[in-house]
């Protein structure tokens, strides 16, 4: 009986080790780091800067002052910088989330959301900066 239990335990441990090993070889998401130079401006939740619904984005999200959001020009959307993607902006420690898209006339441009702080947005002005994001690659099996 003890021999059967030991053999059974050996089989279970072997199966668990095989599963653990195979977990490391399963499908993993990869991405390619991308850095681009854009023109960065700032905006607020005000009708004259956005639309008649200044707290609703072009994606339908609600803007909340204090949260780190950006709007991107549509050419950047076409380049993979899509809705809800995290972006590192030169000069800032935190990541920003793509929550809005800009008018079609803009190219290679982001607009940093600064809530209701008009003075902060004016102080920011217009700058050429680098942004970084990770462009996803289709799932692949790690060898």
N, C-alpha and C. Protein backbone atom coordinates (compact mmCIF):
# COMPACT_ATOMS: atom_id res chain seq x y z
N UNK A 1 0.82 -1.19 0.00
CA UNK A 1 0.00 0.00 0.00
C UNK A 1 0.87 1.27 0.00
N UNK A 2 1.91 1.27 0.82
CA UNK A 2 2.80 2.43 0.88
C UNK A 2 3.49 2.62 -0.46
N UNK A 3 3.88 1.51 -1.08
CA UNK A 3 4.53 1.59 -2.38
C UNK A 3 3.61 2.23 -3.42
N UNK A 4 2.34 1.87 -3.42
CA UNK A 4 1.36 2.42 -4.36
C UNK A 4 1.18 3.91 -4.11
N UNK A 5 1.11 4.33 -2.86
CA UNK A 5 0.94 5.75 -2.52
C UNK A 5 2.17 6.55 -2.94
N UNK A 6 3.37 5.98 -2.74
CA UNK A 6 4.58 6.68 -3.15
C UNK A 6 4.63 6.82 -4.66
N UNK A 7 4.23 5.76 -5.37
CA UNK A 7 4.22 5.80 -6.83
C UNK A 7 3.19 6.84 -7.30
N UNK A 8 2.04 6.88 -6.65
CA UNK A 8 0.99 7.84 -6.99
C UNK A 8 1.49 9.27 -6.75
N UNK A 9 2.16 9.52 -5.62
CA UNK A 9 2.72 10.84 -5.32
C UNK A 9 3.78 11.23 -6.35
N UNK A 10 4.59 10.27 -6.76
CA UNK A 10 5.61 10.52 -7.78
C UNK A 10 4.97 10.96 -9.09
N UNK A 11 3.89 10.28 -9.48
CA UNK A 11 3.18 10.62 -10.72
C UNK A 11 2.58 12.03 -10.63
N UNK A 12 1.96 12.36 -9.51
CA UNK A 12 1.36 13.69 -9.33
C UNK A 12 2.43 14.78 -9.38
N UNK A 13 3.53 14.56 -8.69
CA UNK A 13 4.63 15.54 -8.69
C UNK A 13 5.18 15.70 -10.10
N UNK A 14 5.32 14.61 -10.83
CA UNK A 14 5.82 14.68 -12.21
C UNK A 14 4.88 15.48 -13.09
N UNK A 15 3.59 15.25 -12.95
CA UNK A 15 2.60 16.00 -13.74
C UNK A 15 2.66 17.48 -13.40
N UNK A 16 2.75 17.82 -12.12
CA UNK A 16 2.81 19.21 -11.70
C UNK A 16 4.06 19.90 -12.24
N UNK A 17 5.19 19.20 -12.21
CA UNK A 17 6.43 19.77 -12.74
C UNK A 17 6.33 19.99 -14.25
N UNK A 18 5.72 19.05 -14.96
CA UNK A 18 5.54 19.21 -16.40
C UNK A 18 4.63 20.41 -16.70
N UNK A 19 3.57 20.56 -15.92
CA UNK A 19 2.68 21.69 -16.12
C UNK A 19 3.39 23.00 -15.83
N UNK A 20 4.16 23.03 -14.77
CA UNK A 20 4.91 24.23 -14.43
C UNK A 20 5.91 24.58 -15.52
N UNK A 21 6.60 23.59 -16.04
CA UNK A 21 7.55 23.82 -17.12
C UNK A 21 6.83 24.33 -18.37
N UNK A 22 5.70 23.74 -18.69
CA UNK A 22 4.97 24.14 -19.90
C UNK A 22 4.39 25.54 -19.76
N UNK A 23 4.10 25.99 -18.54
CA UNK A 23 3.59 27.35 -18.34
C UNK A 23 4.60 28.38 -18.82
N UNK A 24 5.86 28.11 -18.65
CA UNK A 24 6.89 29.04 -19.08
C UNK A 24 7.02 29.09 -20.60
N UNK A 25 6.47 28.12 -21.28
CA UNK A 25 6.58 28.05 -22.74
C UNK A 25 5.26 28.40 -23.41
N UNK A 26 4.25 28.79 -22.63
CA UNK A 26 2.95 29.11 -23.20
C UNK A 26 3.01 30.44 -23.94
N UNK A 27 1.91 30.77 -24.54
CA UNK A 27 1.78 31.99 -25.31
C UNK A 27 2.01 33.21 -24.41
N UNK A 28 2.87 34.09 -24.84
CA UNK A 28 3.13 35.33 -24.11
C UNK A 28 2.91 36.48 -25.05
N UNK A 29 2.41 37.59 -24.50
CA UNK A 29 2.24 38.77 -25.32
C UNK A 29 3.56 39.52 -25.35
N UNK A 30 3.90 39.96 -26.53
CA UNK A 30 5.13 40.73 -26.71
C UNK A 30 4.76 42.07 -27.31
N UNK A 31 5.66 42.99 -27.18
CA UNK A 31 5.47 44.27 -27.83
C UNK A 31 6.82 44.86 -28.19
N UNK A 32 6.74 45.82 -29.08
CA UNK A 32 7.94 46.51 -29.53
C UNK A 32 7.90 47.93 -28.99
N UNK A 33 8.96 48.33 -28.29
CA UNK A 33 9.02 49.70 -27.79
C UNK A 33 9.14 50.67 -28.95
N UNK A 34 8.34 51.70 -28.89
CA UNK A 34 8.35 52.69 -29.96
C UNK A 34 8.51 54.07 -29.33
N UNK A 35 9.40 54.87 -29.88
CA UNK A 35 9.62 56.24 -29.41
C UNK A 35 9.45 57.16 -30.62
N UNK A 36 8.63 58.19 -30.44
CA UNK A 36 8.43 59.16 -31.51
C UNK A 36 8.44 60.57 -30.94
N UNK A 37 8.75 61.53 -31.79
CA UNK A 37 8.71 62.94 -31.41
C UNK A 37 7.38 63.51 -31.89
N UNK A 38 6.69 64.18 -30.98
CA UNK A 38 5.39 64.78 -31.30
C UNK A 38 5.34 66.22 -30.78
N UNK A 39 4.38 66.96 -31.27
CA UNK A 39 4.08 68.26 -30.70
C UNK A 39 3.08 68.02 -29.59
N UNK A 40 3.37 68.54 -28.40
CA UNK A 40 2.48 68.35 -27.26
C UNK A 40 1.90 69.68 -26.81
N UNK A 41 0.58 69.71 -26.70
CA UNK A 41 -0.13 70.86 -26.16
C UNK A 41 -0.93 70.34 -24.97
N UNK A 42 -1.72 71.21 -24.37
CA UNK A 42 -2.53 70.81 -23.22
C UNK A 42 -3.95 71.31 -23.41
N UNK A 43 -4.90 70.62 -22.78
CA UNK A 43 -6.29 71.06 -22.86
C UNK A 43 -7.02 70.83 -21.55
N UNK A 44 -8.19 71.47 -21.46
CA UNK A 44 -9.02 71.41 -20.26
C UNK A 44 -10.44 70.97 -20.64
N UNK A 45 -11.22 70.66 -19.60
CA UNK A 45 -12.63 70.28 -19.82
C UNK A 45 -13.49 71.54 -19.95
N UNK A 46 -13.32 72.22 -21.07
CA UNK A 46 -14.08 73.45 -21.33
C UNK A 46 -14.66 73.38 -22.73
N UNK A 47 -15.91 73.83 -22.89
CA UNK A 47 -16.58 73.76 -24.19
C UNK A 47 -15.78 74.40 -25.31
N UNK A 48 -15.23 75.59 -25.04
CA UNK A 48 -14.53 76.28 -26.12
C UNK A 48 -13.24 75.56 -26.55
N UNK A 49 -12.75 74.65 -25.72
CA UNK A 49 -11.55 73.88 -26.09
C UNK A 49 -11.89 72.52 -26.68
N UNK A 50 -13.08 72.02 -26.40
CA UNK A 50 -13.42 70.65 -26.82
C UNK A 50 -14.71 70.64 -27.64
N UNK A 51 -15.84 70.43 -26.95
CA UNK A 51 -17.14 70.35 -27.61
C UNK A 51 -18.21 70.78 -26.62
N UNK A 52 -19.46 70.61 -27.00
CA UNK A 52 -20.55 70.99 -26.10
C UNK A 52 -20.65 70.03 -24.90
N UNK A 53 -19.93 68.92 -24.95
CA UNK A 53 -19.85 67.97 -23.83
C UNK A 53 -18.38 67.81 -23.46
N UNK A 54 -17.82 68.79 -22.76
CA UNK A 54 -16.36 68.83 -22.56
C UNK A 54 -15.78 67.72 -21.69
N UNK A 55 -16.60 66.97 -20.98
CA UNK A 55 -16.05 65.88 -20.15
C UNK A 55 -16.22 64.51 -20.81
N UNK A 56 -16.77 64.48 -22.03
CA UNK A 56 -16.93 63.23 -22.77
C UNK A 56 -15.95 63.24 -23.94
N UNK A 57 -15.15 62.20 -24.06
CA UNK A 57 -14.13 62.14 -25.12
C UNK A 57 -14.74 61.63 -26.43
N UNK A 58 -13.97 61.72 -27.48
CA UNK A 58 -14.40 61.21 -28.78
C UNK A 58 -14.58 59.69 -28.76
N UNK A 59 -13.98 59.01 -27.79
CA UNK A 59 -14.17 57.57 -27.62
C UNK A 59 -15.37 57.26 -26.74
N UNK A 60 -15.96 58.30 -26.12
CA UNK A 60 -17.10 58.09 -25.24
C UNK A 60 -16.74 57.94 -23.77
N UNK A 61 -15.46 58.11 -23.43
CA UNK A 61 -15.03 58.02 -22.03
C UNK A 61 -15.33 59.33 -21.30
N UNK A 62 -15.45 59.26 -20.00
CA UNK A 62 -15.64 60.46 -19.18
C UNK A 62 -14.30 60.92 -18.63
N UNK A 63 -14.00 62.19 -18.82
CA UNK A 63 -12.77 62.77 -18.28
C UNK A 63 -13.00 63.18 -16.84
N UNK A 64 -12.01 62.91 -16.00
CA UNK A 64 -12.09 63.29 -14.59
C UNK A 64 -10.81 64.04 -14.23
N UNK A 65 -10.94 65.30 -13.79
CA UNK A 65 -9.75 66.06 -13.40
C UNK A 65 -8.88 65.28 -12.42
N UNK A 66 -7.58 65.38 -12.61
CA UNK A 66 -6.63 64.68 -11.74
C UNK A 66 -6.12 63.38 -12.33
N UNK A 67 -6.83 62.85 -13.34
CA UNK A 67 -6.37 61.61 -13.97
C UNK A 67 -5.48 61.94 -15.16
N UNK A 68 -4.59 61.02 -15.50
CA UNK A 68 -3.57 61.27 -16.53
C UNK A 68 -4.03 60.72 -17.87
N UNK A 69 -4.59 61.61 -18.68
CA UNK A 69 -5.12 61.25 -19.98
C UNK A 69 -4.47 62.10 -21.06
N UNK A 70 -4.47 61.56 -22.28
CA UNK A 70 -4.06 62.36 -23.44
C UNK A 70 -5.04 62.11 -24.58
N UNK A 71 -5.09 63.10 -25.47
CA UNK A 71 -5.75 62.95 -26.76
C UNK A 71 -4.63 62.82 -27.78
N UNK A 72 -4.86 62.06 -28.83
CA UNK A 72 -3.84 61.87 -29.86
C UNK A 72 -4.41 62.22 -31.23
N UNK A 73 -3.53 62.68 -32.11
CA UNK A 73 -3.96 62.94 -33.48
C UNK A 73 -4.28 61.61 -34.15
N UNK A 74 -5.14 61.65 -35.13
CA UNK A 74 -5.63 60.41 -35.74
C UNK A 74 -4.57 59.65 -36.51
N UNK A 75 -3.53 60.33 -36.99
CA UNK A 75 -2.44 59.60 -37.64
C UNK A 75 -1.70 58.71 -36.64
N UNK A 76 -1.66 59.15 -35.37
CA UNK A 76 -1.03 58.31 -34.33
C UNK A 76 -1.89 57.11 -34.01
N UNK A 77 -3.21 57.28 -34.07
CA UNK A 77 -4.10 56.13 -33.90
C UNK A 77 -3.81 55.09 -34.98
N UNK A 78 -3.64 55.57 -36.20
CA UNK A 78 -3.34 54.68 -37.32
C UNK A 78 -1.98 54.01 -37.17
N UNK A 79 -1.09 54.61 -36.39
CA UNK A 79 0.25 54.05 -36.16
C UNK A 79 0.30 53.09 -34.98
N UNK A 80 -0.87 52.81 -34.38
CA UNK A 80 -0.91 51.85 -33.29
C UNK A 80 -1.05 52.44 -31.91
N UNK A 81 -1.05 53.75 -31.80
CA UNK A 81 -1.22 54.42 -30.50
C UNK A 81 -2.73 54.54 -30.27
N UNK A 82 -3.34 53.48 -29.78
CA UNK A 82 -4.79 53.35 -29.76
C UNK A 82 -5.41 53.62 -28.38
N UNK A 83 -6.73 53.64 -28.38
CA UNK A 83 -7.53 53.88 -27.18
C UNK A 83 -7.07 53.00 -26.01
N UNK A 84 -6.91 53.63 -24.86
CA UNK A 84 -6.51 52.99 -23.59
C UNK A 84 -5.06 52.54 -23.54
N UNK A 85 -4.24 52.85 -24.53
CA UNK A 85 -2.83 52.50 -24.49
C UNK A 85 -2.10 53.41 -23.49
N UNK A 86 -1.13 52.86 -22.81
CA UNK A 86 -0.32 53.61 -21.86
C UNK A 86 0.86 54.25 -22.58
N UNK A 87 1.15 55.50 -22.23
CA UNK A 87 2.18 56.27 -22.91
C UNK A 87 3.08 56.94 -21.87
N UNK A 88 4.38 56.87 -22.08
CA UNK A 88 5.35 57.60 -21.26
C UNK A 88 5.68 58.88 -22.00
N UNK A 89 5.48 60.01 -21.33
CA UNK A 89 5.73 61.31 -21.93
C UNK A 89 7.00 61.89 -21.32
N UNK A 90 7.92 62.32 -22.19
CA UNK A 90 9.17 62.93 -21.74
C UNK A 90 8.87 64.07 -20.76
N UNK A 91 9.54 64.04 -19.62
CA UNK A 91 9.36 65.09 -18.62
C UNK A 91 8.36 64.75 -17.53
N UNK A 92 7.64 63.64 -17.68
CA UNK A 92 6.67 63.21 -16.67
C UNK A 92 7.08 61.85 -16.13
N UNK A 93 6.83 61.62 -14.84
CA UNK A 93 7.19 60.34 -14.23
C UNK A 93 6.12 59.28 -14.44
N UNK A 94 4.87 59.70 -14.54
CA UNK A 94 3.76 58.74 -14.63
C UNK A 94 3.40 58.44 -16.07
N UNK A 95 2.70 57.32 -16.24
CA UNK A 95 2.18 56.97 -17.55
C UNK A 95 0.86 57.69 -17.78
N UNK A 96 0.57 57.98 -19.04
CA UNK A 96 -0.68 58.60 -19.43
C UNK A 96 -1.44 57.62 -20.31
N UNK A 97 -2.77 57.71 -20.29
CA UNK A 97 -3.62 56.81 -21.04
C UNK A 97 -4.29 57.56 -22.19
N UNK A 98 -4.28 56.94 -23.36
CA UNK A 98 -4.97 57.53 -24.52
C UNK A 98 -6.47 57.39 -24.29
N UNK A 99 -7.15 58.51 -24.10
CA UNK A 99 -8.59 58.51 -23.84
C UNK A 99 -9.38 59.38 -24.81
N UNK A 100 -8.70 60.10 -25.69
CA UNK A 100 -9.40 61.01 -26.58
C UNK A 100 -8.65 61.10 -27.90
N UNK A 101 -9.34 61.50 -28.94
CA UNK A 101 -8.69 61.71 -30.23
C UNK A 101 -8.98 63.13 -30.68
N UNK A 102 -8.02 63.67 -31.42
CA UNK A 102 -8.06 65.07 -31.82
C UNK A 102 -8.73 65.23 -33.19
N UNK A 103 -8.97 66.49 -33.53
CA UNK A 103 -9.52 66.83 -34.83
C UNK A 103 -8.61 66.29 -35.94
N UNK A 104 -9.19 65.93 -37.06
CA UNK A 104 -8.45 65.34 -38.17
C UNK A 104 -7.35 66.24 -38.73
N UNK A 105 -7.43 67.52 -38.50
CA UNK A 105 -6.42 68.44 -39.07
C UNK A 105 -5.05 68.30 -38.43
N UNK A 106 -4.96 67.73 -37.22
CA UNK A 106 -3.67 67.63 -36.53
C UNK A 106 -2.91 66.39 -36.94
N UNK A 107 -1.58 66.51 -36.95
CA UNK A 107 -0.67 65.41 -37.29
C UNK A 107 0.47 65.36 -36.27
N UNK A 108 0.88 64.12 -35.90
CA UNK A 108 1.98 63.90 -34.94
C UNK A 108 1.85 64.82 -33.73
N UNK A 109 0.70 64.71 -33.08
CA UNK A 109 0.39 65.63 -31.99
C UNK A 109 -0.35 64.91 -30.87
N UNK A 110 -0.03 65.32 -29.64
CA UNK A 110 -0.81 64.87 -28.48
C UNK A 110 -1.30 66.11 -27.73
N UNK A 111 -2.36 65.92 -26.99
CA UNK A 111 -2.92 66.97 -26.16
C UNK A 111 -3.03 66.38 -24.75
N UNK A 112 -2.33 66.95 -23.81
CA UNK A 112 -2.30 66.43 -22.44
C UNK A 112 -3.47 67.02 -21.66
N UNK A 113 -4.27 66.16 -21.06
CA UNK A 113 -5.44 66.61 -20.29
C UNK A 113 -4.99 67.17 -18.95
N UNK A 114 -5.41 68.39 -18.67
CA UNK A 114 -5.04 69.06 -17.42
C UNK A 114 -6.26 69.49 -16.62
N UNK A 115 -7.32 68.68 -16.69
CA UNK A 115 -8.51 68.93 -15.89
C UNK A 115 -9.10 70.31 -16.10
N UNK A 116 -9.28 71.02 -14.99
CA UNK A 116 -9.86 72.36 -15.05
C UNK A 116 -8.81 73.46 -14.85
N UNK A 117 -7.54 73.08 -14.76
CA UNK A 117 -6.47 74.03 -14.46
C UNK A 117 -5.99 74.74 -15.75
N UNK A 118 -6.67 75.81 -16.09
CA UNK A 118 -6.38 76.55 -17.31
C UNK A 118 -4.97 77.14 -17.27
N UNK A 119 -4.56 77.66 -16.13
CA UNK A 119 -3.22 78.26 -16.02
C UNK A 119 -2.12 77.22 -16.26
N UNK A 120 -2.32 76.03 -15.73
CA UNK A 120 -1.33 74.96 -15.94
C UNK A 120 -1.22 74.62 -17.42
N UNK A 121 -2.35 74.56 -18.10
CA UNK A 121 -2.35 74.25 -19.53
C UNK A 121 -1.67 75.37 -20.32
N UNK A 122 -1.94 76.61 -19.96
CA UNK A 122 -1.30 77.74 -20.65
C UNK A 122 0.20 77.75 -20.39
N UNK A 123 0.58 77.44 -19.16
CA UNK A 123 2.00 77.40 -18.81
C UNK A 123 2.73 76.30 -19.61
N UNK A 124 2.06 75.18 -19.82
CA UNK A 124 2.65 74.10 -20.61
C UNK A 124 2.93 74.59 -22.02
N UNK A 125 1.95 75.24 -22.63
CA UNK A 125 2.12 75.79 -23.97
C UNK A 125 2.18 74.71 -25.04
N UNK A 126 3.18 74.81 -25.88
CA UNK A 126 3.35 73.90 -27.01
C UNK A 126 4.82 73.50 -27.05
N UNK A 127 5.08 72.19 -27.04
CA UNK A 127 6.46 71.70 -26.99
C UNK A 127 6.63 70.51 -27.92
N UNK A 128 7.85 70.36 -28.40
CA UNK A 128 8.24 69.16 -29.13
C UNK A 128 8.86 68.22 -28.10
N UNK A 129 8.27 67.03 -27.95
CA UNK A 129 8.75 66.08 -26.95
C UNK A 129 8.74 64.67 -27.51
N UNK A 130 9.41 63.76 -26.78
CA UNK A 130 9.39 62.34 -27.14
C UNK A 130 8.33 61.64 -26.30
N UNK A 131 7.65 60.72 -26.93
CA UNK A 131 6.75 59.83 -26.19
C UNK A 131 7.16 58.40 -26.49
N UNK A 132 6.90 57.52 -25.53
CA UNK A 132 7.23 56.10 -25.69
C UNK A 132 5.99 55.28 -25.40
N UNK A 133 5.82 54.23 -26.19
CA UNK A 133 4.75 53.29 -25.93
C UNK A 133 5.17 51.93 -26.48
N UNK A 134 4.42 50.93 -26.12
CA UNK A 134 4.77 49.57 -26.51
C UNK A 134 3.72 49.08 -27.50
N UNK A 135 4.14 48.86 -28.73
CA UNK A 135 3.26 48.43 -29.81
C UNK A 135 3.14 46.91 -29.77
N UNK A 136 1.94 46.39 -29.48
CA UNK A 136 1.78 44.94 -29.35
C UNK A 136 2.08 44.18 -30.64
N UNK A 137 2.64 43.00 -30.45
CA UNK A 137 2.85 42.06 -31.55
C UNK A 137 1.87 40.94 -31.29
N UNK A 138 1.40 40.30 -32.34
CA UNK A 138 0.48 39.17 -32.14
C UNK A 138 1.12 38.14 -31.23
N UNK A 139 0.25 37.45 -30.47
CA UNK A 139 0.74 36.41 -29.55
C UNK A 139 1.62 35.42 -30.30
N UNK A 140 2.68 35.02 -29.64
CA UNK A 140 3.55 34.02 -30.23
C UNK A 140 4.05 33.08 -29.15
N UNK A 141 4.46 31.90 -29.56
CA UNK A 141 4.97 30.91 -28.61
C UNK A 141 6.46 31.13 -28.43
N UNK A 142 6.86 31.18 -27.18
CA UNK A 142 8.28 31.37 -26.83
C UNK A 142 8.99 30.03 -26.98
N UNK A 143 10.09 30.03 -27.66
CA UNK A 143 10.86 28.79 -27.82
C UNK A 143 11.92 28.68 -26.78
